[in-house]
Amino acid sequence: MEPVEINAGAWYLRALRADERVSDVPALTDLGITDPVAFVDAADAGWAEESRYTWAVCEPTTGELLSLITADAGGPPTGSARDGGQRSLDDALPVVQRFLDSL
């Protein structure tokens, strides 16, 4: 499956990125991920294999990752937020659950 983008009201959920146009590497490092490039690659593989779904919860005008949500296939979504990003996580988790329920 290709990554699914979700509009969650005040937040925009998208696939993780680590390329020349958009890089979530600094934000993932803030979240304590020690190898963010490998994490992005694993997130892409999870979507392709339909085994794990991962979203960057972003501020829609800047695309900045404020929180991160993951869900193993068949499991509930979980996440973590950067400093100041807890509201984005709280608002987006139920939206992701509705998406997962529709699979």
N, C-alpha and C. Protein backbone atom coordinates (compact mmCIF):
# COMPACT_ATOMS: atom_id res chain seq x y z
N MET A 1 0.84 -1.16 0.00
CA MET A 1 0.00 0.00 0.00
C MET A 1 0.90 1.24 0.00
N GLU A 2 0.47 2.23 -0.74
CA GLU A 2 1.14 3.53 -0.72
C GLU A 2 0.77 4.25 0.58
N PRO A 3 1.65 5.08 1.12
CA PRO A 3 1.29 5.85 2.32
C PRO A 3 0.04 6.69 2.07
N VAL A 4 -0.81 6.74 3.09
CA VAL A 4 -2.06 7.47 3.00
C VAL A 4 -1.92 8.78 3.76
N GLU A 5 -2.20 9.88 3.06
CA GLU A 5 -2.20 11.19 3.70
C GLU A 5 -3.58 11.42 4.29
N ILE A 6 -3.63 12.08 5.45
CA ILE A 6 -4.88 12.32 6.15
C ILE A 6 -4.95 13.78 6.56
N ASN A 7 -6.09 14.39 6.30
CA ASN A 7 -6.36 15.73 6.81
C ASN A 7 -7.09 15.53 8.12
N ALA A 8 -6.48 15.98 9.21
CA ALA A 8 -7.06 15.81 10.54
C ALA A 8 -7.43 17.17 11.12
N GLY A 9 -8.19 17.94 10.37
CA GLY A 9 -8.60 19.25 10.85
C GLY A 9 -7.43 20.22 10.85
N ALA A 10 -6.93 20.54 12.02
CA ALA A 10 -5.82 21.49 12.14
C ALA A 10 -4.48 20.88 11.77
N TRP A 11 -4.43 19.57 11.53
CA TRP A 11 -3.17 18.88 11.31
C TRP A 11 -3.21 18.11 10.00
N TYR A 12 -2.04 17.94 9.44
CA TYR A 12 -1.87 17.22 8.18
C TYR A 12 -0.98 16.02 8.47
N LEU A 13 -1.44 14.82 8.16
CA LEU A 13 -0.67 13.61 8.39
C LEU A 13 -0.14 13.11 7.06
N ARG A 14 1.13 12.82 7.02
CA ARG A 14 1.79 12.40 5.79
C ARG A 14 2.86 11.37 6.11
N ALA A 15 3.38 10.77 5.05
CA ALA A 15 4.50 9.83 5.20
C ALA A 15 5.74 10.59 5.67
N LEU A 16 6.62 9.88 6.32
CA LEU A 16 7.90 10.47 6.73
C LEU A 16 8.74 10.76 5.50
N ARG A 17 9.59 11.77 5.61
CA ARG A 17 10.44 12.16 4.49
C ARG A 17 11.87 12.37 4.98
N ALA A 18 12.80 12.05 4.11
CA ALA A 18 14.22 12.33 4.34
C ALA A 18 14.86 12.49 2.98
N ASP A 19 14.53 13.59 2.30
CA ASP A 19 15.08 13.82 0.97
C ASP A 19 15.51 15.28 0.84
N GLU A 20 15.86 15.67 -0.37
CA GLU A 20 16.39 17.02 -0.59
C GLU A 20 15.33 18.11 -0.43
N ARG A 21 14.06 17.76 -0.54
CA ARG A 21 12.98 18.76 -0.41
C ARG A 21 12.46 18.89 1.01
N VAL A 22 12.24 17.76 1.66
CA VAL A 22 11.70 17.75 3.02
C VAL A 22 12.45 16.71 3.82
N SER A 23 12.89 17.10 5.01
CA SER A 23 13.58 16.14 5.87
C SER A 23 13.01 16.18 7.28
N ASP A 24 12.53 15.04 7.72
CA ASP A 24 12.05 14.90 9.08
C ASP A 24 13.16 14.45 10.02
N VAL A 25 14.37 14.32 9.52
CA VAL A 25 15.49 13.82 10.32
C VAL A 25 15.69 14.63 11.60
N PRO A 26 15.74 15.97 11.56
CA PRO A 26 15.92 16.71 12.82
C PRO A 26 14.79 16.47 13.83
N ALA A 27 13.55 16.43 13.35
CA ALA A 27 12.42 16.20 14.24
C ALA A 27 12.46 14.80 14.84
N LEU A 28 12.80 13.80 14.03
CA LEU A 28 12.90 12.44 14.54
C LEU A 28 14.02 12.32 15.57
N THR A 29 15.10 13.04 15.35
CA THR A 29 16.18 13.07 16.33
C THR A 29 15.68 13.67 17.64
N ASP A 30 14.88 14.75 17.55
CA ASP A 30 14.28 15.34 18.76
C ASP A 30 13.43 14.33 19.52
N LEU A 31 12.82 13.40 18.80
CA LEU A 31 11.98 12.38 19.43
C LEU A 31 12.79 11.20 19.98
N GLY A 32 14.11 11.28 19.85
CA GLY A 32 14.98 10.24 20.42
C GLY A 32 15.30 9.09 19.49
N ILE A 33 14.97 9.23 18.22
CA ILE A 33 15.28 8.18 17.25
C ILE A 33 16.74 8.33 16.85
N THR A 34 17.54 7.31 17.12
CA THR A 34 18.99 7.43 16.95
C THR A 34 19.46 7.33 15.50
N ASP A 35 18.72 6.64 14.66
CA ASP A 35 19.06 6.54 13.24
C ASP A 35 17.83 6.92 12.42
N PRO A 36 17.56 8.24 12.32
CA PRO A 36 16.31 8.67 11.68
C PRO A 36 16.19 8.30 10.21
N VAL A 37 17.29 8.25 9.48
CA VAL A 37 17.21 7.87 8.06
C VAL A 37 16.78 6.42 7.94
N ALA A 38 17.34 5.54 8.75
CA ALA A 38 16.92 4.14 8.74
C ALA A 38 15.47 4.01 9.19
N PHE A 39 15.04 4.85 10.13
CA PHE A 39 13.65 4.84 10.59
C PHE A 39 12.70 5.20 9.45
N VAL A 40 13.06 6.21 8.66
CA VAL A 40 12.24 6.60 7.50
C VAL A 40 12.18 5.45 6.49
N ASP A 41 13.33 4.83 6.24
CA ASP A 41 13.36 3.69 5.31
C ASP A 41 12.48 2.55 5.81
N ALA A 42 12.53 2.27 7.11
CA ALA A 42 11.70 1.21 7.69
C ALA A 42 10.22 1.58 7.61
N ALA A 43 9.91 2.85 7.78
CA ALA A 43 8.52 3.30 7.67
C ALA A 43 8.01 3.08 6.25
N ASP A 44 8.82 3.41 5.27
CA ASP A 44 8.44 3.17 3.87
C ASP A 44 8.20 1.69 3.61
N ALA A 45 9.08 0.85 4.14
CA ALA A 45 8.94 -0.60 3.97
C ALA A 45 7.67 -1.11 4.66
N GLY A 46 7.36 -0.57 5.82
CA GLY A 46 6.15 -0.98 6.54
C GLY A 46 4.90 -0.70 5.74
N TRP A 47 4.84 0.47 5.10
CA TRP A 47 3.69 0.77 4.23
C TRP A 47 3.63 -0.21 3.07
N ALA A 48 4.77 -0.43 2.41
CA ALA A 48 4.80 -1.31 1.24
C ALA A 48 4.38 -2.74 1.59
N GLU A 49 4.77 -3.20 2.76
CA GLU A 49 4.45 -4.56 3.20
C GLU A 49 3.10 -4.64 3.92
N GLU A 50 2.49 -3.47 4.18
CA GLU A 50 1.24 -3.37 4.94
C GLU A 50 1.36 -4.01 6.32
N SER A 51 2.54 -3.83 6.92
CA SER A 51 2.79 -4.40 8.25
C SER A 51 2.84 -3.33 9.33
N ARG A 52 3.18 -2.09 8.95
CA ARG A 52 3.25 -0.99 9.92
C ARG A 52 3.00 0.31 9.17
N TYR A 53 2.16 1.14 9.77
CA TYR A 53 1.80 2.42 9.17
C TYR A 53 2.36 3.54 10.05
N THR A 54 2.99 4.52 9.42
CA THR A 54 3.65 5.59 10.15
C THR A 54 3.26 6.93 9.54
N TRP A 55 2.95 7.89 10.40
CA TRP A 55 2.61 9.24 9.94
C TRP A 55 3.40 10.29 10.69
N ALA A 56 3.81 11.31 9.95
CA ALA A 56 4.28 12.56 10.53
C ALA A 56 3.05 13.43 10.69
N VAL A 57 2.77 13.87 11.90
CA VAL A 57 1.66 14.78 12.14
C VAL A 57 2.25 16.18 12.07
N CYS A 58 1.79 16.95 11.08
CA CYS A 58 2.46 18.19 10.74
C CYS A 58 1.56 19.41 10.86
N GLU A 59 2.20 20.54 11.07
CA GLU A 59 1.55 21.83 10.96
C GLU A 59 1.35 22.04 9.46
N PRO A 60 0.12 22.28 9.00
CA PRO A 60 -0.14 22.25 7.56
C PRO A 60 0.53 23.34 6.75
N THR A 61 0.79 24.50 7.32
CA THR A 61 1.37 25.57 6.50
C THR A 61 2.88 25.43 6.33
N THR A 62 3.54 24.76 7.29
CA THR A 62 5.00 24.61 7.19
C THR A 62 5.43 23.19 6.89
N GLY A 63 4.57 22.22 7.17
CA GLY A 63 4.94 20.82 7.00
C GLY A 63 5.84 20.30 8.10
N GLU A 64 6.06 21.09 9.15
CA GLU A 64 6.94 20.67 10.25
C GLU A 64 6.31 19.53 11.04
N LEU A 65 7.07 18.47 11.27
CA LEU A 65 6.63 17.33 12.06
C LEU A 65 6.54 17.75 13.52
N LEU A 66 5.34 17.67 14.08
CA LEU A 66 5.12 18.00 15.48
C LEU A 66 4.99 16.75 16.34
N SER A 67 4.47 15.68 15.73
CA SER A 67 4.36 14.41 16.44
C SER A 67 4.43 13.27 15.43
N LEU A 68 4.55 12.08 15.96
CA LEU A 68 4.74 10.87 15.15
C LEU A 68 3.75 9.83 15.61
N ILE A 69 3.08 9.19 14.66
CA ILE A 69 2.14 8.12 14.97
C ILE A 69 2.54 6.87 14.19
N THR A 70 2.52 5.73 14.88
CA THR A 70 2.75 4.45 14.22
C THR A 70 1.66 3.47 14.65
N ALA A 71 1.41 2.52 13.78
CA ALA A 71 0.45 1.45 14.11
C ALA A 71 0.87 0.20 13.37
N ASP A 72 1.08 -0.88 14.12
CA ASP A 72 1.30 -2.16 13.49
C ASP A 72 -0.03 -2.64 12.92
N ALA A 73 0.02 -3.36 11.82
CA ALA A 73 -1.21 -3.86 11.20
C ALA A 73 -2.02 -4.61 12.24
N GLY A 74 -3.28 -4.23 12.38
CA GLY A 74 -4.17 -4.86 13.34
C GLY A 74 -4.07 -4.34 14.75
N GLY A 75 -3.14 -3.41 14.99
CA GLY A 75 -2.96 -2.89 16.34
C GLY A 75 -3.40 -1.44 16.45
N PRO A 76 -3.45 -0.93 17.66
CA PRO A 76 -3.87 0.46 17.86
C PRO A 76 -2.73 1.42 17.54
N PRO A 77 -3.06 2.65 17.18
CA PRO A 77 -2.01 3.63 16.93
C PRO A 77 -1.41 4.13 18.24
N THR A 78 -0.13 4.41 18.20
CA THR A 78 0.57 5.01 19.33
C THR A 78 1.41 6.15 18.78
N GLY A 79 1.87 7.01 19.66
CA GLY A 79 2.66 8.11 19.15
C GLY A 79 3.46 8.81 20.21
N SER A 80 4.23 9.75 19.74
CA SER A 80 5.02 10.61 20.61
C SER A 80 5.04 12.00 19.99
N ALA A 81 5.19 13.00 20.86
CA ALA A 81 5.15 14.39 20.41
C ALA A 81 6.43 15.11 20.78
N ARG A 82 6.82 16.01 19.91
CA ARG A 82 7.93 16.91 20.22
C ARG A 82 7.43 17.94 21.23
N ASP A 83 8.34 18.67 21.83
CA ASP A 83 7.96 19.75 22.75
C ASP A 83 6.98 20.67 22.05
N GLY A 84 5.84 20.91 22.69
CA GLY A 84 4.82 21.78 22.12
C GLY A 84 3.90 21.10 21.13
N GLY A 85 4.08 19.81 20.88
CA GLY A 85 3.30 19.11 19.87
C GLY A 85 2.25 18.14 20.40
N GLN A 86 2.02 18.13 21.71
CA GLN A 86 1.10 17.15 22.28
C GLN A 86 -0.32 17.28 21.73
N ARG A 87 -0.78 18.49 21.50
CA ARG A 87 -2.14 18.67 20.98
C ARG A 87 -2.28 18.02 19.60
N SER A 88 -1.25 18.13 18.77
CA SER A 88 -1.31 17.51 17.44
C SER A 88 -1.47 16.00 17.57
N LEU A 89 -0.76 15.41 18.51
CA LEU A 89 -0.85 13.97 18.73
C LEU A 89 -2.23 13.59 19.26
N ASP A 90 -2.71 14.32 20.25
CA ASP A 90 -4.01 14.02 20.85
C ASP A 90 -5.13 14.13 19.82
N ASP A 91 -5.07 15.13 18.96
CA ASP A 91 -6.10 15.32 17.94
C ASP A 91 -6.02 14.28 16.83
N ALA A 92 -4.81 13.85 16.48
CA ALA A 92 -4.63 12.96 15.33
C ALA A 92 -4.84 11.48 15.65
N LEU A 93 -4.60 11.06 16.87
CA LEU A 93 -4.73 9.63 17.19
C LEU A 93 -6.13 9.08 16.88
N PRO A 94 -7.22 9.74 17.26
CA PRO A 94 -8.53 9.18 16.92
C PRO A 94 -8.81 9.16 15.42
N VAL A 95 -8.25 10.11 14.69
CA VAL A 95 -8.43 10.14 13.24
C VAL A 95 -7.72 8.95 12.61
N VAL A 96 -6.52 8.65 13.08
CA VAL A 96 -5.79 7.48 12.58
C VAL A 96 -6.54 6.21 12.95
N GLN A 97 -7.11 6.15 14.14
CA GLN A 97 -7.86 4.95 14.53
C GLN A 97 -9.04 4.74 13.58
N ARG A 98 -9.73 5.81 13.20
CA ARG A 98 -10.85 5.67 12.25
C ARG A 98 -10.36 5.15 10.91
N PHE A 99 -9.19 5.64 10.46
CA PHE A 99 -8.62 5.12 9.21
C PHE A 99 -8.32 3.63 9.35
N LEU A 100 -7.69 3.24 10.44
CA LEU A 100 -7.34 1.83 10.63
C LEU A 100 -8.59 0.95 10.70
N ASP A 101 -9.64 1.48 11.31
CA ASP A 101 -10.89 0.72 11.39
C ASP A 101 -11.49 0.49 10.01
N SER A 102 -11.17 1.35 9.08
CA SER A 102 -11.74 1.23 7.73
C SER A 102 -10.98 0.24 6.84
N LEU A 103 -9.82 -0.21 7.30
CA LEU A 103 -9.02 -1.14 6.48
C LEU A 103 -9.65 -2.52 6.44
